[in-house]
N, C-alpha and C. Protein backbone atom coordinates (compact mmCIF):
# COMPACT_ATOMS: atom_id res chain seq x y z
N UNK A 1 197.11 155.22 94.42
CA UNK A 1 196.57 155.56 93.11
C UNK A 1 197.24 154.69 92.06
N UNK A 2 196.55 154.48 90.97
CA UNK A 2 197.10 153.71 89.85
C UNK A 2 198.01 154.60 89.02
N UNK A 3 198.75 153.99 88.11
CA UNK A 3 199.73 154.72 87.32
C UNK A 3 199.08 155.82 86.48
N UNK A 4 197.89 155.57 85.96
CA UNK A 4 197.20 156.59 85.17
C UNK A 4 196.87 157.83 86.00
N UNK A 5 196.46 157.61 87.23
CA UNK A 5 196.15 158.73 88.12
C UNK A 5 197.42 159.50 88.48
N UNK A 6 198.53 158.77 88.71
CA UNK A 6 199.81 159.43 88.99
C UNK A 6 200.26 160.25 87.79
N UNK A 7 200.10 159.67 86.62
CA UNK A 7 200.48 160.37 85.39
C UNK A 7 199.67 161.65 85.23
N UNK A 8 198.37 161.56 85.45
CA UNK A 8 197.51 162.72 85.32
C UNK A 8 197.81 163.77 86.39
N UNK A 9 198.02 163.33 87.61
CA UNK A 9 198.29 164.25 88.71
C UNK A 9 199.59 165.01 88.54
N UNK A 10 200.57 164.38 87.91
CA UNK A 10 201.90 165.00 87.79
C UNK A 10 202.20 165.51 86.39
N UNK A 11 201.32 165.24 85.43
CA UNK A 11 201.58 165.66 84.06
C UNK A 11 202.74 164.91 83.44
N UNK A 12 202.92 163.66 83.85
CA UNK A 12 204.03 162.84 83.37
C UNK A 12 203.47 161.66 82.58
N UNK A 13 203.97 161.42 81.38
CA UNK A 13 203.49 160.26 80.62
C UNK A 13 203.76 158.95 81.36
N UNK A 14 202.85 158.01 81.20
CA UNK A 14 202.97 156.71 81.86
C UNK A 14 204.30 156.04 81.53
N UNK A 15 204.70 156.08 80.27
CA UNK A 15 205.97 155.43 79.89
C UNK A 15 207.16 156.08 80.58
N UNK A 16 207.09 157.37 80.83
CA UNK A 16 208.17 158.06 81.55
C UNK A 16 208.22 157.59 83.00
N UNK A 17 207.07 157.42 83.61
CA UNK A 17 207.02 156.91 84.98
C UNK A 17 207.64 155.52 85.03
N UNK A 18 207.26 154.67 84.10
CA UNK A 18 207.83 153.31 84.06
C UNK A 18 209.34 153.35 83.84
N UNK A 19 209.78 154.27 82.97
CA UNK A 19 211.21 154.42 82.71
C UNK A 19 211.96 154.82 83.99
N UNK A 20 211.42 155.78 84.74
CA UNK A 20 212.05 156.20 85.98
C UNK A 20 212.09 155.06 86.99
N UNK A 21 211.08 154.23 86.97
CA UNK A 21 211.09 153.04 87.85
C UNK A 21 212.22 152.09 87.44
N UNK A 22 212.32 151.80 86.15
CA UNK A 22 213.38 150.89 85.66
C UNK A 22 214.76 151.44 85.98
N UNK A 23 214.90 152.77 85.93
CA UNK A 23 216.19 153.41 86.21
C UNK A 23 216.48 153.51 87.70
N UNK A 24 215.53 153.12 88.52
CA UNK A 24 215.72 153.16 89.96
C UNK A 24 215.53 154.54 90.57
N UNK A 25 214.99 155.48 89.81
CA UNK A 25 214.76 156.82 90.34
C UNK A 25 213.49 156.89 91.17
N UNK A 26 212.52 156.08 90.82
CA UNK A 26 211.29 155.97 91.60
C UNK A 26 211.31 154.64 92.32
N UNK A 27 210.97 154.61 93.59
CA UNK A 27 210.92 153.32 94.29
C UNK A 27 209.80 152.47 93.71
N UNK A 28 209.98 151.16 93.70
CA UNK A 28 208.93 150.30 93.15
C UNK A 28 207.66 150.43 93.99
N UNK A 29 206.52 150.59 93.33
CA UNK A 29 205.27 150.69 94.07
C UNK A 29 204.79 149.31 94.51
N UNK A 30 203.92 149.31 95.50
CA UNK A 30 203.27 148.05 95.90
C UNK A 30 202.34 147.63 94.76
N UNK A 31 202.03 146.35 94.76
CA UNK A 31 201.11 145.82 93.74
C UNK A 31 199.80 145.41 94.40
N UNK A 32 198.70 145.73 93.76
CA UNK A 32 197.38 145.31 94.24
C UNK A 32 197.18 143.84 93.88
N UNK A 33 196.10 143.26 94.36
CA UNK A 33 195.80 141.85 94.07
C UNK A 33 195.72 141.59 92.56
N UNK A 34 195.28 142.58 91.80
CA UNK A 34 195.19 142.43 90.34
C UNK A 34 196.51 142.76 89.64
N UNK A 35 197.58 142.94 90.41
CA UNK A 35 198.94 143.23 89.94
C UNK A 35 199.13 144.65 89.40
N UNK A 36 198.15 145.52 89.60
CA UNK A 36 198.31 146.92 89.22
C UNK A 36 199.27 147.58 90.20
N UNK A 37 200.06 148.50 89.67
CA UNK A 37 200.93 149.29 90.54
C UNK A 37 200.05 150.24 91.36
N UNK A 38 200.36 150.37 92.63
CA UNK A 38 199.62 151.27 93.51
C UNK A 38 200.61 152.29 94.10
N UNK A 39 200.47 153.54 93.67
CA UNK A 39 201.39 154.59 94.05
C UNK A 39 200.88 155.36 95.26
N UNK A 40 201.82 155.87 96.02
CA UNK A 40 201.54 156.65 97.23
C UNK A 40 201.95 158.10 97.00
N UNK A 41 201.58 158.99 97.90
CA UNK A 41 201.99 160.39 97.76
C UNK A 41 203.52 160.54 97.66
N UNK A 42 204.27 159.66 98.29
CA UNK A 42 205.74 159.73 98.22
C UNK A 42 206.23 159.58 96.77
N UNK A 43 205.51 158.78 95.99
CA UNK A 43 205.87 158.62 94.57
C UNK A 43 205.62 159.91 93.80
N UNK A 44 204.51 160.57 94.08
CA UNK A 44 204.21 161.84 93.41
C UNK A 44 205.25 162.90 93.79
N UNK A 45 205.64 162.93 95.07
CA UNK A 45 206.66 163.89 95.52
C UNK A 45 207.99 163.62 94.83
N UNK A 46 208.39 162.36 94.80
CA UNK A 46 209.67 162.00 94.15
C UNK A 46 209.61 162.33 92.66
N UNK A 47 208.49 162.03 92.03
CA UNK A 47 208.35 162.32 90.60
C UNK A 47 208.43 163.82 90.34
N UNK A 48 207.83 164.62 91.20
CA UNK A 48 207.92 166.08 91.05
C UNK A 48 209.37 166.55 91.19
N UNK A 49 210.10 165.96 92.13
CA UNK A 49 211.51 166.30 92.31
C UNK A 49 212.32 165.93 91.06
N UNK A 50 212.09 164.74 90.53
CA UNK A 50 212.79 164.28 89.32
C UNK A 50 212.49 165.22 88.16
N UNK A 51 211.23 165.55 87.98
CA UNK A 51 210.84 166.41 86.88
C UNK A 51 211.47 167.80 87.00
N UNK A 52 211.57 168.32 88.23
CA UNK A 52 212.21 169.62 88.41
C UNK A 52 213.69 169.55 88.04
N UNK A 53 214.35 168.49 88.45
CA UNK A 53 215.76 168.31 88.08
C UNK A 53 215.92 168.18 86.57
N UNK A 54 215.03 167.42 85.94
CA UNK A 54 215.09 167.26 84.49
C UNK A 54 214.79 168.58 83.78
N UNK A 55 213.90 169.40 84.36
CA UNK A 55 213.62 170.72 83.79
C UNK A 55 214.86 171.61 83.84
N UNK A 56 215.76 171.31 84.78
CA UNK A 56 217.03 172.03 84.86
C UNK A 56 218.10 171.36 84.00
N UNK A 57 217.66 170.42 83.16
CA UNK A 57 218.51 169.71 82.20
C UNK A 57 219.56 168.83 82.87
N UNK A 58 219.24 168.32 84.04
CA UNK A 58 220.17 167.42 84.72
C UNK A 58 220.06 166.03 84.13
N UNK A 59 221.20 165.37 84.02
CA UNK A 59 221.25 164.00 83.53
C UNK A 59 220.70 163.06 84.60
N UNK A 60 220.30 161.87 84.18
CA UNK A 60 219.73 160.91 85.13
C UNK A 60 220.71 160.58 86.25
N UNK A 61 221.99 160.49 85.95
CA UNK A 61 222.97 160.21 87.00
C UNK A 61 223.04 161.35 88.01
N UNK A 62 222.90 162.58 87.53
CA UNK A 62 222.89 163.72 88.44
C UNK A 62 221.64 163.68 89.33
N UNK A 63 220.50 163.35 88.73
CA UNK A 63 219.26 163.25 89.50
C UNK A 63 219.39 162.14 90.54
N UNK A 64 219.94 161.02 90.12
CA UNK A 64 220.13 159.88 91.02
C UNK A 64 221.00 160.29 92.21
N UNK A 65 222.08 161.00 91.94
CA UNK A 65 222.98 161.45 93.01
C UNK A 65 222.27 162.41 93.96
N UNK A 66 221.47 163.32 93.42
CA UNK A 66 220.73 164.25 94.27
C UNK A 66 219.70 163.53 95.13
N UNK A 67 219.06 162.51 94.56
CA UNK A 67 218.10 161.73 95.34
C UNK A 67 218.81 161.04 96.50
N UNK A 68 219.97 160.47 96.23
CA UNK A 68 220.73 159.81 97.30
C UNK A 68 221.11 160.80 98.39
N UNK A 69 221.55 161.97 97.99
CA UNK A 69 221.92 163.00 98.96
C UNK A 69 220.68 163.47 99.74
N UNK A 70 219.59 163.62 99.04
CA UNK A 70 218.34 164.08 99.66
C UNK A 70 217.82 163.09 100.70
N UNK A 71 218.10 161.82 100.49
CA UNK A 71 217.62 160.80 101.41
C UNK A 71 218.43 160.71 102.70
N UNK A 72 219.49 161.52 102.81
CA UNK A 72 220.28 161.57 104.04
C UNK A 72 220.28 163.02 104.52
N UNK A 73 219.16 163.49 105.07
CA UNK A 73 219.01 164.91 105.40
C UNK A 73 219.99 165.42 106.46
N UNK A 74 220.59 164.54 107.24
CA UNK A 74 221.53 164.99 108.27
C UNK A 74 222.93 165.20 107.73
N UNK A 75 223.18 164.75 106.50
CA UNK A 75 224.53 164.86 105.95
C UNK A 75 224.82 166.28 105.49
N UNK A 76 226.08 166.56 105.23
CA UNK A 76 226.54 167.85 104.75
C UNK A 76 226.07 168.04 103.30
N UNK A 77 225.73 169.27 102.96
CA UNK A 77 225.23 169.52 101.60
C UNK A 77 226.34 169.86 100.61
N UNK A 78 227.59 169.63 100.98
CA UNK A 78 228.71 169.89 100.07
C UNK A 78 228.60 169.11 98.78
N UNK A 79 228.09 167.89 98.85
CA UNK A 79 227.92 167.08 97.65
C UNK A 79 226.90 167.68 96.69
N UNK A 80 225.86 168.28 97.26
CA UNK A 80 224.84 168.94 96.43
C UNK A 80 225.48 170.14 95.72
N UNK A 81 226.24 170.92 96.49
CA UNK A 81 226.91 172.09 95.90
C UNK A 81 227.87 171.67 94.79
N UNK A 82 228.65 170.63 95.03
CA UNK A 82 229.61 170.16 94.02
C UNK A 82 228.91 169.70 92.77
N UNK A 83 227.82 168.95 92.95
CA UNK A 83 227.08 168.47 91.79
C UNK A 83 226.52 169.63 90.99
N UNK A 84 225.95 170.61 91.67
CA UNK A 84 225.39 171.75 90.97
C UNK A 84 226.47 172.58 90.29
N UNK A 85 227.61 172.75 90.95
CA UNK A 85 228.73 173.47 90.33
C UNK A 85 229.17 172.77 89.04
N UNK A 86 229.26 171.45 89.07
CA UNK A 86 229.65 170.70 87.87
C UNK A 86 228.59 170.87 86.78
N UNK A 87 227.33 170.84 87.16
CA UNK A 87 226.26 170.99 86.17
C UNK A 87 226.30 172.39 85.55
N UNK A 88 226.55 173.39 86.36
CA UNK A 88 226.68 174.76 85.85
C UNK A 88 227.81 174.82 84.83
N UNK A 89 228.91 174.12 85.10
CA UNK A 89 230.02 174.07 84.15
C UNK A 89 229.61 173.42 82.83
N UNK A 90 228.81 172.35 82.91
CA UNK A 90 228.34 171.68 81.69
C UNK A 90 227.43 172.61 80.88
N UNK A 91 226.58 173.34 81.60
CA UNK A 91 225.67 174.27 80.92
C UNK A 91 226.48 175.39 80.25
N UNK A 92 227.47 175.90 80.93
CA UNK A 92 228.31 176.96 80.35
C UNK A 92 229.02 176.46 79.10
N UNK A 93 229.51 175.22 79.13
CA UNK A 93 230.17 174.64 77.96
C UNK A 93 229.18 174.51 76.80
N UNK A 94 227.97 174.06 77.08
CA UNK A 94 226.96 173.93 76.04
C UNK A 94 226.61 175.28 75.45
N UNK A 95 226.55 176.31 76.29
CA UNK A 95 226.26 177.66 75.79
C UNK A 95 227.35 178.10 74.83
N UNK A 96 228.62 177.85 75.20
CA UNK A 96 229.73 178.20 74.29
C UNK A 96 229.60 177.45 72.97
N UNK A 97 229.27 176.16 73.06
CA UNK A 97 229.11 175.35 71.84
C UNK A 97 227.94 175.84 71.00
N UNK A 98 226.86 176.21 71.66
CA UNK A 98 225.69 176.72 70.92
C UNK A 98 225.98 178.07 70.27
N UNK A 99 226.76 178.91 70.93
CA UNK A 99 227.13 180.19 70.31
C UNK A 99 228.00 179.97 69.08
N UNK A 100 228.91 179.02 69.17
CA UNK A 100 229.75 178.71 68.01
C UNK A 100 228.90 178.13 66.88
N UNK A 101 227.94 177.30 67.24
CA UNK A 101 227.04 176.73 66.24
C UNK A 101 226.20 177.82 65.59
N UNK A 102 225.70 178.76 66.39
CA UNK A 102 224.92 179.87 65.84
C UNK A 102 225.75 180.67 64.85
N UNK A 103 227.00 180.94 65.20
CA UNK A 103 227.89 181.70 64.31
C UNK A 103 228.10 180.94 63.00
N UNK A 104 228.31 179.64 63.11
CA UNK A 104 228.51 178.81 61.92
C UNK A 104 227.26 178.78 61.05
N UNK A 105 226.09 178.66 61.68
CA UNK A 105 224.84 178.65 60.92
C UNK A 105 224.58 179.98 60.24
N UNK A 106 224.89 181.08 60.91
CA UNK A 106 224.70 182.40 60.31
C UNK A 106 225.63 182.59 59.10
N UNK A 107 226.85 182.10 59.23
CA UNK A 107 227.78 182.18 58.10
C UNK A 107 227.27 181.34 56.94
N UNK A 108 226.73 180.19 57.26
CA UNK A 108 226.17 179.33 56.22
C UNK A 108 224.96 180.01 55.57
N UNK A 109 224.11 180.61 56.38
CA UNK A 109 222.93 181.28 55.85
C UNK A 109 223.31 182.44 54.96
N UNK A 110 224.40 183.12 55.25
CA UNK A 110 224.86 184.25 54.44
C UNK A 110 225.29 183.82 53.04
N UNK A 111 225.50 182.54 52.82
CA UNK A 111 225.91 182.05 51.49
C UNK A 111 224.77 182.05 50.49
N UNK A 112 223.56 182.31 50.95
CA UNK A 112 222.41 182.33 50.04
C UNK A 112 221.50 183.48 50.45
N UNK A 113 221.84 184.67 49.96
CA UNK A 113 221.12 185.87 50.37
C UNK A 113 219.75 186.01 49.73
N UNK A 114 219.58 185.47 48.55
CA UNK A 114 218.29 185.60 47.88
C UNK A 114 217.94 184.29 47.18
N UNK A 115 216.66 184.00 47.05
CA UNK A 115 216.24 182.75 46.42
C UNK A 115 216.64 182.67 44.95
N UNK A 116 217.12 181.52 44.57
CA UNK A 116 217.38 181.22 43.16
C UNK A 116 217.36 179.70 43.02
N UNK A 117 217.76 179.20 41.88
CA UNK A 117 217.67 177.76 41.62
C UNK A 117 218.44 176.97 42.67
N UNK A 118 217.86 175.86 43.10
CA UNK A 118 218.50 175.02 44.10
C UNK A 118 219.89 174.59 43.64
N UNK A 119 220.07 174.36 42.37
CA UNK A 119 221.37 173.94 41.84
C UNK A 119 222.45 174.99 42.13
N UNK A 120 222.06 176.23 42.34
CA UNK A 120 223.00 177.31 42.61
C UNK A 120 222.99 177.76 44.07
N UNK A 121 222.33 177.02 44.93
CA UNK A 121 222.18 177.41 46.33
C UNK A 121 223.53 177.34 47.05
N UNK A 122 223.95 178.46 47.59
CA UNK A 122 225.22 178.52 48.30
C UNK A 122 225.23 177.69 49.58
N UNK A 123 224.09 177.59 50.24
CA UNK A 123 223.99 176.80 51.48
C UNK A 123 224.21 175.33 51.16
N UNK A 124 223.45 174.82 50.17
CA UNK A 124 223.59 173.40 49.82
C UNK A 124 224.99 173.11 49.28
N UNK A 125 225.53 174.05 48.52
CA UNK A 125 226.88 173.87 47.99
C UNK A 125 227.90 173.77 49.11
N UNK A 126 227.78 174.62 50.10
CA UNK A 126 228.71 174.60 51.23
C UNK A 126 228.55 173.33 52.04
N UNK A 127 227.31 172.89 52.25
CA UNK A 127 227.07 171.64 52.98
C UNK A 127 227.70 170.47 52.23
N UNK A 128 227.56 170.46 50.90
CA UNK A 128 228.17 169.40 50.10
C UNK A 128 229.69 169.43 50.20
N UNK A 129 230.29 170.63 50.12
CA UNK A 129 231.75 170.76 50.23
C UNK A 129 232.23 170.28 51.60
N UNK A 130 231.53 170.70 52.65
CA UNK A 130 231.93 170.30 54.00
C UNK A 130 231.79 168.79 54.19
N UNK A 131 230.74 168.22 53.63
CA UNK A 131 230.53 166.77 53.75
C UNK A 131 231.60 165.98 53.01
N UNK A 132 232.14 166.55 51.95
CA UNK A 132 233.16 165.87 51.15
C UNK A 132 234.55 165.97 51.77
N UNK A 133 234.72 166.85 52.76
CA UNK A 133 236.01 167.02 53.42
C UNK A 133 236.16 165.95 54.49
N UNK A 134 237.19 165.09 54.39
CA UNK A 134 237.36 164.01 55.36
C UNK A 134 237.41 164.47 56.81
N UNK A 135 238.06 165.60 57.08
CA UNK A 135 238.17 166.08 58.47
C UNK A 135 236.80 166.43 59.03
N UNK A 136 235.93 166.97 58.19
CA UNK A 136 234.60 167.36 58.66
C UNK A 136 233.75 166.15 59.01
N UNK A 137 233.95 165.05 58.29
CA UNK A 137 233.14 163.87 58.54
C UNK A 137 233.42 163.25 59.90
N UNK A 138 234.65 163.36 60.39
CA UNK A 138 234.99 162.79 61.67
C UNK A 138 234.72 163.72 62.84
N UNK A 139 234.41 164.95 62.55
CA UNK A 139 234.19 165.98 63.56
C UNK A 139 232.77 165.89 64.10
N UNK A 140 232.66 165.89 65.42
CA UNK A 140 231.33 165.89 66.05
C UNK A 140 230.90 167.31 66.27
N UNK A 141 229.86 167.73 65.60
CA UNK A 141 229.42 169.11 65.70
C UNK A 141 228.06 169.27 66.36
N UNK A 142 227.31 168.20 66.49
CA UNK A 142 225.98 168.34 67.05
C UNK A 142 226.06 168.64 68.55
N UNK A 143 225.28 169.59 68.99
CA UNK A 143 225.24 169.96 70.39
C UNK A 143 224.23 169.05 71.08
N UNK A 144 224.72 168.26 72.02
CA UNK A 144 223.86 167.31 72.71
C UNK A 144 223.15 167.99 73.87
N UNK A 145 222.03 167.48 74.21
CA UNK A 145 221.27 168.02 75.33
C UNK A 145 219.81 168.09 74.99
N UNK A 146 219.09 168.75 75.79
CA UNK A 146 217.65 168.87 75.60
C UNK A 146 217.35 169.96 74.62
N UNK A 147 216.80 169.59 73.48
CA UNK A 147 216.34 170.56 72.47
C UNK A 147 215.50 169.85 71.44
């Protein structure tokens, strides 16, 4: 099948398929005489596996490692367990960070209980004060990940 058919069959944008190819997550497809990529069912299966891993918020390196482990079915699955345990730890850390962020946002929201002139907005005032503090400018507060 051509890339458009693979994209439609798997619900994956064409550019994402090409990206996974460049990243080495999808094996390179054969090329037809007209140089079109020609995908096989194995590509659709691999793409479904990648998408499931990404739905679990796994990084590309984690997906790559799982693919390598998956391609050696006779090997011990301890590596799979270790990878998943590490990923669970990352998710738990992100949850802690998101809870702290939620608490901070709620405190910020409490600074402006009712609408009034923007010049008197407690939220904007607090954001300005925090931005003017040198320590706050160097602090990384954004929670990275899929959102």
